[in-house]
Amino acid sequence: GHSGVTAEMAGFRLPIESFPLQAFVSEPMKPVIDV
């Protein structure tokens, strides 16, 4: 998540872009999906 920033501290650049990746969770429920 911050590798580009760290590389710049060391004096070089990385071929990297940073994107947020979406995730979320539901309320708890009984076992319904086991895969």
Full PDB file with SEQRES, HELIX, SHEET, SSBOND, CRYST1, ORIGX, SCALE, CONECT and MASTER records, all heavy atoms in Angstrom:
SEQRES   1 A   35  GLY HIS SER GLY VAL THR ALA GLU MET ALA GLY PHE ARG          
SEQRES   2 A   35  LEU PRO ILE GLU SER PHE PRO LEU GLN ALA PHE VAL SER          
SEQRES   3 A   35  GLU PRO MET LYS PRO VAL ILE ASP VAL                          
HELIX    1 AA1 SER A    3  MET A    9  1                                   7    
CRYST1    1.000    1.000    1.000  90.00  90.00  90.00 P 1           1          
ORIGX1      1.000000  0.000000  0.000000        0.00000                         
ORIGX2      0.000000  1.000000  0.000000        0.00000                         
ORIGX3      0.000000  0.000000  1.000000        0.00000                         
SCALE1      1.000000  0.000000  0.000000        0.00000                         
SCALE2      0.000000  1.000000  0.000000        0.00000                         
SCALE3      0.000000  0.000000  1.000000        0.00000                         
ATOM      1  N   GLY A   1       0.789  -1.223   0.000  1.00  0.00           N  
ATOM      2  CA  GLY A   1       0.000   0.000   0.000  1.00  0.00           C  
ATOM      3  C   GLY A   1       0.820   1.272   0.000  1.00  0.00           C  
ATOM      4  O   GLY A   1       0.307   2.328  -0.341  1.00  0.00           O  
ATOM      5  N   HIS A   2       2.091   1.169   0.382  1.00  0.00           N  
ATOM      6  CA  HIS A   2       2.936   2.361   0.411  1.00  0.00           C  
ATOM      7  C   HIS A   2       4.325   2.090  -0.158  1.00  0.00           C  
ATOM      8  O   HIS A   2       5.286   2.774   0.174  1.00  0.00           O  
ATOM      9  CB  HIS A   2       3.057   2.896   1.847  1.00  0.00           C  
ATOM     10  CG  HIS A   2       1.815   3.571   2.343  1.00  0.00           C  
ATOM     11  ND1 HIS A   2       0.756   2.869   2.876  1.00  0.00           N  
ATOM     12  CD2 HIS A   2       1.432   4.862   2.341  1.00  0.00           C  
ATOM     13  CE1 HIS A   2      -0.215   3.715   3.202  1.00  0.00           C  
ATOM     14  NE2 HIS A   2       0.168   4.931   2.888  1.00  0.00           N  
ATOM     15  N   SER A   3       4.424   1.071  -1.006  1.00  0.00           N  
ATOM     16  CA  SER A   3       5.741   0.696  -1.517  1.00  0.00           C  
ATOM     17  C   SER A   3       6.336   1.780  -2.411  1.00  0.00           C  
ATOM     18  O   SER A   3       7.554   1.996  -2.410  1.00  0.00           O  
ATOM     19  CB  SER A   3       5.657  -0.632  -2.264  1.00  0.00           C  
ATOM     20  OG  SER A   3       4.628  -0.607  -3.231  1.00  0.00           O  
ATOM     21  N   GLY A   4       5.488   2.472  -3.179  1.00  0.00           N  
ATOM     22  CA  GLY A   4       5.997   3.546  -4.026  1.00  0.00           C  
ATOM     23  C   GLY A   4       6.596   4.670  -3.212  1.00  0.00           C  
ATOM     24  O   GLY A   4       7.639   5.237  -3.568  1.00  0.00           O  
ATOM     25  N   VAL A   5       5.945   5.002  -2.094  1.00  0.00           N  
ATOM     26  CA  VAL A   5       6.448   6.046  -1.202  1.00  0.00           C  
ATOM     27  C   VAL A   5       7.792   5.637  -0.609  1.00  0.00           C  
ATOM     28  O   VAL A   5       8.748   6.427  -0.561  1.00  0.00           O  
ATOM     29  CB  VAL A   5       5.432   6.319  -0.073  1.00  0.00           C  
ATOM     30  CG1 VAL A   5       5.988   7.316   0.931  1.00  0.00           C  
ATOM     31  CG2 VAL A   5       4.115   6.823  -0.652  1.00  0.00           C  
ATOM     32  N   THR A   6       7.896   4.385  -0.177  1.00  0.00           N  
ATOM     33  CA  THR A   6       9.132   3.903   0.422  1.00  0.00           C  
ATOM     34  C   THR A   6      10.261   3.881  -0.599  1.00  0.00           C  
ATOM     35  O   THR A   6      11.407   4.220  -0.282  1.00  0.00           O  
ATOM     36  CB  THR A   6       8.932   2.487   1.000  1.00  0.00           C  
ATOM     37  OG1 THR A   6       7.682   2.423   1.687  1.00  0.00           O  
ATOM     38  CG2 THR A   6      10.044   2.133   1.966  1.00  0.00           C  
ATOM     39  N   ALA A   7       9.958   3.485  -1.835  1.00  0.00           N  
ATOM     40  CA  ALA A   7      10.983   3.456  -2.881  1.00  0.00           C  
ATOM     41  C   ALA A   7      11.520   4.856  -3.161  1.00  0.00           C  
ATOM     42  O   ALA A   7      12.729   5.041  -3.349  1.00  0.00           O  
ATOM     43  CB  ALA A   7      10.414   2.831  -4.151  1.00  0.00           C  
ATOM     44  N   GLU A   8      10.629   5.838  -3.186  1.00  0.00           N  
ATOM     45  CA  GLU A   8      11.083   7.201  -3.440  1.00  0.00           C  
ATOM     46  C   GLU A   8      12.009   7.699  -2.340  1.00  0.00           C  
ATOM     47  O   GLU A   8      12.932   8.472  -2.592  1.00  0.00           O  
ATOM     48  CB  GLU A   8       9.885   8.133  -3.607  1.00  0.00           C  
ATOM     49  CG  GLU A   8       9.166   7.943  -4.932  1.00  0.00           C  
ATOM     50  CD  GLU A   8       8.232   9.087  -5.271  1.00  0.00           C  
ATOM     51  OE1 GLU A   8       8.185  10.069  -4.486  1.00  0.00           O  
ATOM     52  OE2 GLU A   8       7.563   9.011  -6.315  1.00  0.00           O  
ATOM     53  N   MET A   9      11.786   7.259  -1.095  1.00  0.00           N  
ATOM     54  CA  MET A   9      12.706   7.602  -0.007  1.00  0.00           C  
ATOM     55  C   MET A   9      14.113   7.078  -0.294  1.00  0.00           C  
ATOM     56  O   MET A   9      15.108   7.690   0.110  1.00  0.00           O  
ATOM     57  CB  MET A   9      12.217   6.995   1.314  1.00  0.00           C  
ATOM     58  CG  MET A   9      10.963   7.584   1.889  1.00  0.00           C  
ATOM     59  SD  MET A   9      10.567   6.731   3.435  1.00  0.00           S  
ATOM     60  CE  MET A   9       8.925   7.369   3.757  1.00  0.00           C  
ATOM     61  N   ALA A  10      14.178   5.929  -0.994  1.00  0.00           N  
ATOM     62  CA  ALA A  10      15.468   5.310  -1.294  1.00  0.00           C  
ATOM     63  C   ALA A  10      16.067   5.820  -2.601  1.00  0.00           C  
ATOM     64  O   ALA A  10      17.159   5.392  -2.989  1.00  0.00           O  
ATOM     65  CB  ALA A  10      15.315   3.794  -1.350  1.00  0.00           C  
ATOM     66  N   GLY A  11      15.338   6.686  -3.302  1.00  0.00           N  
ATOM     67  CA  GLY A  11      15.904   7.326  -4.480  1.00  0.00           C  
ATOM     68  C   GLY A  11      15.589   6.675  -5.806  1.00  0.00           C  
ATOM     69  O   GLY A  11      16.244   6.958  -6.815  1.00  0.00           O  
ATOM     70  N   PHE A  12      14.585   5.802  -5.867  1.00  0.00           N  
ATOM     71  CA  PHE A  12      14.194   5.216  -7.151  1.00  0.00           C  
ATOM     72  C   PHE A  12      12.684   5.067  -7.179  1.00  0.00           C  
ATOM     73  O   PHE A  12      12.001   5.269  -6.177  1.00  0.00           O  
ATOM     74  CB  PHE A  12      14.897   3.869  -7.392  1.00  0.00           C  
ATOM     75  CG  PHE A  12      14.572   2.801  -6.382  1.00  0.00           C  
ATOM     76  CD1 PHE A  12      13.544   1.904  -6.600  1.00  0.00           C  
ATOM     77  CD2 PHE A  12      15.308   2.689  -5.212  1.00  0.00           C  
ATOM     78  CE1 PHE A  12      13.252   0.915  -5.680  1.00  0.00           C  
ATOM     79  CE2 PHE A  12      15.024   1.703  -4.273  1.00  0.00           C  
ATOM     80  CZ  PHE A  12      13.996   0.818  -4.510  1.00  0.00           C  
ATOM     81  N   ARG A  13      12.157   4.711  -8.358  1.00  0.00           N  
ATOM     82  CA  ARG A  13      10.717   4.581  -8.513  1.00  0.00           C  
ATOM     83  C   ARG A  13      10.351   3.153  -8.889  1.00  0.00           C  
ATOM     84  O   ARG A  13      11.134   2.434  -9.514  1.00  0.00           O  
ATOM     85  CB  ARG A  13      10.192   5.546  -9.580  1.00  0.00           C  
ATOM     86  CG  ARG A  13      10.430   7.012  -9.230  1.00  0.00           C  
ATOM     87  CD  ARG A  13       9.709   7.922 -10.187  1.00  0.00           C  
ATOM     88  NE  ARG A  13       8.256   7.806 -10.033  1.00  0.00           N  
ATOM     89  CZ  ARG A  13       7.379   8.403 -10.837  1.00  0.00           C  
ATOM     90  NH1 ARG A  13       7.788   9.137 -11.846  1.00  0.00           N  
ATOM     91  NH2 ARG A  13       6.084   8.251 -10.635  1.00  0.00           N  
ATOM     92  N   LEU A  14       9.149   2.767  -8.519  1.00  0.00           N  
ATOM     93  CA  LEU A  14       8.623   1.442  -8.847  1.00  0.00           C  
ATOM     94  C   LEU A  14       7.481   1.582  -9.860  1.00  0.00           C  
ATOM     95  O   LEU A  14       6.725   2.560  -9.810  1.00  0.00           O  
ATOM     96  CB  LEU A  14       8.083   0.750  -7.590  1.00  0.00           C  
ATOM     97  CG  LEU A  14       9.095   0.290  -6.555  1.00  0.00           C  
ATOM     98  CD1 LEU A  14       8.368  -0.157  -5.287  1.00  0.00           C  
ATOM     99  CD2 LEU A  14       9.949  -0.841  -7.091  1.00  0.00           C  
ATOM    100  N   PRO A  15       7.333   0.610 -10.769  1.00  0.00           N  
ATOM    101  CA  PRO A  15       6.223   0.648 -11.736  1.00  0.00           C  
ATOM    102  C   PRO A  15       4.928   0.160 -11.093  1.00  0.00           C  
ATOM    103  O   PRO A  15       4.382  -0.884 -11.430  1.00  0.00           O  
ATOM    104  CB  PRO A  15       6.702  -0.309 -12.839  1.00  0.00           C  
ATOM    105  CG  PRO A  15       7.563  -1.291 -12.110  1.00  0.00           C  
ATOM    106  CD  PRO A  15       8.225  -0.541 -10.977  1.00  0.00           C  
ATOM    107  N   ILE A  16       4.434   0.952 -10.157  1.00  0.00           N  
ATOM    108  CA  ILE A  16       3.297   0.521  -9.334  1.00  0.00           C  
ATOM    109  C   ILE A  16       2.270   1.642  -9.223  1.00  0.00           C  
ATOM    110  O   ILE A  16       2.628   2.819  -9.126  1.00  0.00           O  
ATOM    111  CB  ILE A  16       3.798   0.102  -7.928  1.00  0.00           C  
ATOM    112  CG1 ILE A  16       4.324  -1.337  -7.965  1.00  0.00           C  
ATOM    113  CG2 ILE A  16       2.708   0.236  -6.875  1.00  0.00           C  
ATOM    114  CD1 ILE A  16       4.907  -1.800  -6.659  1.00  0.00           C  
ATOM    115  N   GLU A  17       0.999   1.261  -9.272  1.00  0.00           N  
ATOM    116  CA  GLU A  17      -0.105   2.165  -8.953  1.00  0.00           C  
ATOM    117  C   GLU A  17      -0.875   1.593  -7.772  1.00  0.00           C  
ATOM    118  O   GLU A  17      -0.912   0.371  -7.584  1.00  0.00           O  
ATOM    119  CB  GLU A  17      -1.053   2.315 -10.148  1.00  0.00           C  
ATOM    120  CG  GLU A  17      -0.438   2.988 -11.358  1.00  0.00           C  
ATOM    121  CD  GLU A  17      -1.417   3.051 -12.520  1.00  0.00           C  
ATOM    122  OE1 GLU A  17      -2.034   2.014 -12.827  1.00  0.00           O  
ATOM    123  OE2 GLU A  17      -1.554   4.136 -13.113  1.00  0.00           O  
ATOM    124  N   SER A  18      -1.487   2.457  -6.990  1.00  0.00           N  
ATOM    125  CA  SER A  18      -2.216   2.011  -5.796  1.00  0.00           C  
ATOM    126  C   SER A  18      -3.708   2.312  -5.950  1.00  0.00           C  
ATOM    127  O   SER A  18      -4.090   3.439  -6.237  1.00  0.00           O  
ATOM    128  CB  SER A  18      -1.665   2.702  -4.544  1.00  0.00           C  
ATOM    129  OG  SER A  18      -0.313   2.354  -4.341  1.00  0.00           O  
ATOM    130  N   PHE A  19      -4.512   1.278  -5.746  1.00  0.00           N  
ATOM    131  CA  PHE A  19      -5.967   1.389  -5.848  1.00  0.00           C  
ATOM    132  C   PHE A  19      -6.610   0.841  -4.577  1.00  0.00           C  
ATOM    133  O   PHE A  19      -6.136  -0.164  -4.036  1.00  0.00           O  
ATOM    134  CB  PHE A  19      -6.504   0.569  -7.023  1.00  0.00           C  
ATOM    135  CG  PHE A  19      -6.026   0.988  -8.374  1.00  0.00           C  
ATOM    136  CD1 PHE A  19      -4.833   0.506  -8.888  1.00  0.00           C  
ATOM    137  CD2 PHE A  19      -6.766   1.864  -9.154  1.00  0.00           C  
ATOM    138  CE1 PHE A  19      -4.384   0.874 -10.141  1.00  0.00           C  
ATOM    139  CE2 PHE A  19      -6.332   2.241 -10.412  1.00  0.00           C  
ATOM    140  CZ  PHE A  19      -5.137   1.750 -10.909  1.00  0.00           C  
ATOM    141  N   PRO A  20      -7.696   1.456  -4.112  1.00  0.00           N  
ATOM    142  CA  PRO A  20      -8.475   0.806  -3.041  1.00  0.00           C  
ATOM    143  C   PRO A  20      -9.220  -0.398  -3.604  1.00  0.00           C  
ATOM    144  O   PRO A  20      -9.778  -0.329  -4.703  1.00  0.00           O  
ATOM    145  CB  PRO A  20      -9.464   1.894  -2.593  1.00  0.00           C  
ATOM    146  CG  PRO A  20      -8.998   3.159  -3.240  1.00  0.00           C  
ATOM    147  CD  PRO A  20      -8.243   2.761  -4.472  1.00  0.00           C  
ATOM    148  N   LEU A  21      -9.217  -1.485  -2.874  1.00  0.00           N  
ATOM    149  CA  LEU A  21      -9.960  -2.688  -3.261  1.00  0.00           C  
ATOM    150  C   LEU A  21     -11.138  -2.848  -2.305  1.00  0.00           C  
ATOM    151  O   LEU A  21     -10.957  -2.906  -1.089  1.00  0.00           O  
ATOM    152  CB  LEU A  21      -9.058  -3.923  -3.203  1.00  0.00           C  
ATOM    153  CG  LEU A  21      -9.719  -5.238  -3.609  1.00  0.00           C  
ATOM    154  CD1 LEU A  21     -10.047  -5.235  -5.095  1.00  0.00           C  
ATOM    155  CD2 LEU A  21      -8.822  -6.428  -3.274  1.00  0.00           C  
ATOM    156  N   GLN A  22     -12.339  -2.939  -2.871  1.00  0.00           N  
ATOM    157  CA  GLN A  22     -13.563  -2.929  -2.070  1.00  0.00           C  
ATOM    158  C   GLN A  22     -13.800  -4.254  -1.360  1.00  0.00           C  
ATOM    159  O   GLN A  22     -13.587  -5.325  -1.920  1.00  0.00           O  
ATOM    160  CB  GLN A  22     -14.761  -2.631  -2.961  1.00  0.00           C  
ATOM    161  CG  GLN A  22     -16.044  -2.381  -2.206  1.00  0.00           C  
ATOM    162  CD  GLN A  22     -15.948  -1.124  -1.375  1.00  0.00           C  
ATOM    163  OE1 GLN A  22     -15.714  -0.048  -1.892  1.00  0.00           O  
ATOM    164  NE2 GLN A  22     -16.117  -1.253  -0.076  1.00  0.00           N  
ATOM    165  N   ALA A  23     -14.242  -4.178  -0.111  1.00  0.00           N  
ATOM    166  CA  ALA A  23     -14.648  -5.375   0.632  1.00  0.00           C  
ATOM    167  C   ALA A  23     -15.675  -4.965   1.678  1.00  0.00           C  
ATOM    168  O   ALA A  23     -15.724  -3.807   2.097  1.00  0.00           O  
ATOM    169  CB  ALA A  23     -13.456  -6.043   1.300  1.00  0.00           C  
ATOM    170  N   PHE A  24     -16.511  -5.917   2.100  1.00  0.00           N  
ATOM    171  CA  PHE A  24     -17.447  -5.651   3.189  1.00  0.00           C  
ATOM    172  C   PHE A  24     -17.931  -6.964   3.778  1.00  0.00           C  
ATOM    173  O   PHE A  24     -17.742  -8.038   3.196  1.00  0.00           O  
ATOM    174  CB  PHE A  24     -18.626  -4.773   2.738  1.00  0.00           C  
ATOM    175  CG  PHE A  24     -19.290  -5.191   1.455  1.00  0.00           C  
ATOM    176  CD1 PHE A  24     -20.381  -6.041   1.455  1.00  0.00           C  
ATOM    177  CD2 PHE A  24     -18.841  -4.703   0.246  1.00  0.00           C  
ATOM    178  CE1 PHE A  24     -21.011  -6.400   0.284  1.00  0.00           C  
ATOM    179  CE2 PHE A  24     -19.463  -5.052  -0.945  1.00  0.00           C  
ATOM    180  CZ  PHE A  24     -20.552  -5.907  -0.923  1.00  0.00           C  
ATOM    181  N   VAL A  25     -18.524  -6.884   4.960  1.00  0.00           N  
ATOM    182  CA  VAL A  25     -19.054  -8.080   5.619  1.00  0.00           C  
ATOM    183  C   VAL A  25     -20.498  -7.826   6.030  1.00  0.00           C  
ATOM    184  O   VAL A  25     -20.916  -6.692   6.270  1.00  0.00           O  
ATOM    185  CB  VAL A  25     -18.231  -8.489   6.871  1.00  0.00           C  
ATOM    186  CG1 VAL A  25     -16.817  -8.862   6.489  1.00  0.00           C  
ATOM    187  CG2 VAL A  25     -18.243  -7.398   7.918  1.00  0.00           C  
ATOM    188  N   SER A  26     -21.245  -8.922   6.135  1.00  0.00           N  
ATOM    189  CA  SER A  26     -22.653  -8.853   6.519  1.00  0.00           C  
ATOM    190  C   SER A  26     -22.790  -9.065   8.018  1.00  0.00           C  
ATOM    191  O   SER A  26     -21.815  -9.340   8.725  1.00  0.00           O  
ATOM    192  CB  SER A  26     -23.444  -9.930   5.783  1.00  0.00           C  
ATOM    193  OG  SER A  26     -23.178 -11.211   6.377  1.00  0.00           O  
ATOM    194  N   GLU A  27     -24.014  -8.978   8.472  1.00  0.00           N  
ATOM    195  CA  GLU A  27     -24.321  -9.389   9.837  1.00  0.00           C  
ATOM    196  C   GLU A  27     -24.070 -10.898   9.974  1.00  0.00           C  
ATOM    197  O   GLU A  27     -24.130 -11.633   8.982  1.00  0.00           O  
ATOM    198  CB  GLU A  27     -25.786  -9.084  10.140  1.00  0.00           C  
ATOM    199  CG  GLU A  27     -26.756  -9.812   9.206  1.00  0.00           C  
ATOM    200  CD  GLU A  27     -28.188  -9.391   9.394  1.00  0.00           C  
ATOM    201  OE1 GLU A  27     -28.515  -8.899  10.487  1.00  0.00           O  
ATOM    202  OE2 GLU A  27     -28.990  -9.558   8.462  1.00  0.00           O  
ATOM    203  N   PRO A  28     -23.789 -11.380  11.174  1.00  0.00           N  
ATOM    204  CA  PRO A  28     -23.579 -12.833  11.350  1.00  0.00           C  
ATOM    205  C   PRO A  28     -24.869 -13.615  11.097  1.00  0.00           C  
ATOM    206  O   PRO A  28     -25.966 -13.130  11.344  1.00  0.00           O  
ATOM    207  CB  PRO A  28     -23.140 -12.948  12.816  1.00  0.00           C  
ATOM    208  CG  PRO A  28     -22.739 -11.573  13.227  1.00  0.00           C  
ATOM    209  CD  PRO A  28     -23.572 -10.629  12.417  1.00  0.00           C  
ATOM    210  N   MET A  29     -24.701 -14.832  10.609  1.00  0.00           N  
ATOM    211  CA  MET A  29     -25.844 -15.718  10.401  1.00  0.00           C  
ATOM    212  C   MET A  29     -25.384 -17.168  10.550  1.00  0.00           C  
ATOM    213  O   MET A  29     -24.195 -17.441  10.689  1.00  0.00           O  
ATOM    214  CB  MET A  29     -26.447 -15.487   9.019  1.00  0.00           C  
ATOM    215  CG  MET A  29     -25.508 -15.811   7.869  1.00  0.00           C  
ATOM    216  SD  MET A  29     -26.200 -15.370   6.275  1.00  0.00           S  
ATOM    217  CE  MET A  29     -26.086 -13.597   6.352  1.00  0.00           C  
ATOM    218  N   LYS A  30     -26.329 -18.079  10.539  1.00  0.00           N  
ATOM    219  CA  LYS A  30     -25.992 -19.488  10.658  1.00  0.00           C  
ATOM    220  C   LYS A  30     -25.223 -19.943   9.417  1.00  0.00           C  
ATOM    221  O   LYS A  30     -25.314 -19.318   8.361  1.00  0.00           O  
ATOM    222  CB  LYS A  30     -27.256 -20.325  10.842  1.00  0.00           C  
ATOM    223  CG  LYS A  30     -27.946 -20.095  12.176  1.00  0.00           C  
ATOM    224  CD  LYS A  30     -29.181 -20.976  12.323  1.00  0.00           C  
ATOM    225  CE  LYS A  30     -29.843 -20.765  13.685  1.00  0.00           C  
ATOM    226  NZ  LYS A  30     -31.051 -21.613  13.846  1.00  0.00           N  
ATOM    227  N   PRO A  31     -24.454 -21.046   9.530  1.00  0.00           N  
ATOM    228  CA  PRO A  31     -23.694 -21.533   8.366  1.00  0.00           C  
ATOM    229  C   PRO A  31     -24.591 -21.760   7.153  1.00  0.00           C  
ATOM    230  O   PRO A  31     -25.623 -22.417   7.241  1.00  0.00           O  
ATOM    231  CB  PRO A  31     -23.098 -22.854   8.864  1.00  0.00           C  
ATOM    232  CG  PRO A  31     -23.014 -22.693  10.341  1.00  0.00           C  
ATOM    233  CD  PRO A  31     -24.199 -21.862  10.730  1.00  0.00           C  
ATOM    234  N   VAL A  32     -24.200 -21.171   6.027  1.00  0.00           N  
ATOM    235  CA  VAL A  32     -25.035 -21.265   4.829  1.00  0.00           C  
ATOM    236  C   VAL A  32     -24.211 -21.595   3.593  1.00  0.00           C  
ATOM    237  O   VAL A  32     -24.707 -22.201   2.656  1.00  0.00           O  
ATOM    238  CB  VAL A  32     -25.844 -19.961   4.629  1.00  0.00           C  
ATOM    239  CG1 VAL A  32     -24.916 -18.774   4.376  1.00  0.00           C  
ATOM    240  CG2 VAL A  32     -26.841 -20.089   3.487  1.00  0.00           C  
ATOM    241  N   ILE A  33     -22.932 -21.211   3.585  1.00  0.00           N  
ATOM    242  CA  ILE A  33     -22.097 -21.463   2.414  1.00  0.00           C  
ATOM    243  C   ILE A  33     -20.737 -21.970   2.900  1.00  0.00           C  
ATOM    244  O   ILE A  33     -20.047 -21.291   3.670  1.00  0.00           O  
ATOM    245  CB  ILE A  33     -21.972 -20.196   1.529  1.00  0.00           C  
ATOM    246  CG1 ILE A  33     -21.156 -20.484   0.277  1.00  0.00           C  
ATOM    247  CG2 ILE A  33     -21.426 -19.017   2.299  1.00  0.00           C  
ATOM    248  CD1 ILE A  33     -21.246 -19.372  -0.765  1.00  0.00           C  
ATOM    249  N   ASP A  34     -20.379 -23.183   2.488  1.00  0.00           N  
ATOM    250  CA  ASP A  34     -19.170 -23.819   3.032  1.00  0.00           C  
ATOM    251  C   ASP A  34     -18.075 -23.949   1.984  1.00  0.00           C  
ATOM    252  O   ASP A  34     -17.211 -24.815   2.068  1.00  0.00           O  
ATOM    253  CB  ASP A  34     -19.508 -25.198   3.606  1.00  0.00           C  
ATOM    254  CG  ASP A  34     -20.103 -26.143   2.580  1.00  0.00           C  
ATOM    255  OD1 ASP A  34     -20.289 -25.716   1.418  1.00  0.00           O  
ATOM    256  OD2 ASP A  34     -20.380 -27.306   2.925  1.00  0.00           O  
ATOM    257  N   VAL A  35     -18.105 -23.058   0.988  1.00  0.00           N  
ATOM    258  CA  VAL A  35     -17.069 -23.034  -0.040  1.00  0.00           C  
ATOM    259  C   VAL A  35     -16.835 -21.570  -0.400  1.00  0.00           C  
ATOM    260  O   VAL A  35     -17.710 -20.722  -0.167  1.00  0.00           O  
ATOM    261  CB  VAL A  35     -17.525 -23.858  -1.273  1.00  0.00           C  
ATOM    262  CG1 VAL A  35     -18.722 -23.207  -1.941  1.00  0.00           C  
ATOM    263  CG2 VAL A  35     -16.389 -24.056  -2.267  1.00  0.00           C  
TER     264      VAL A  35                                                      
MASTER        0    0    0    1    0    0    0    6  263    1    0    3          
END                                                                             
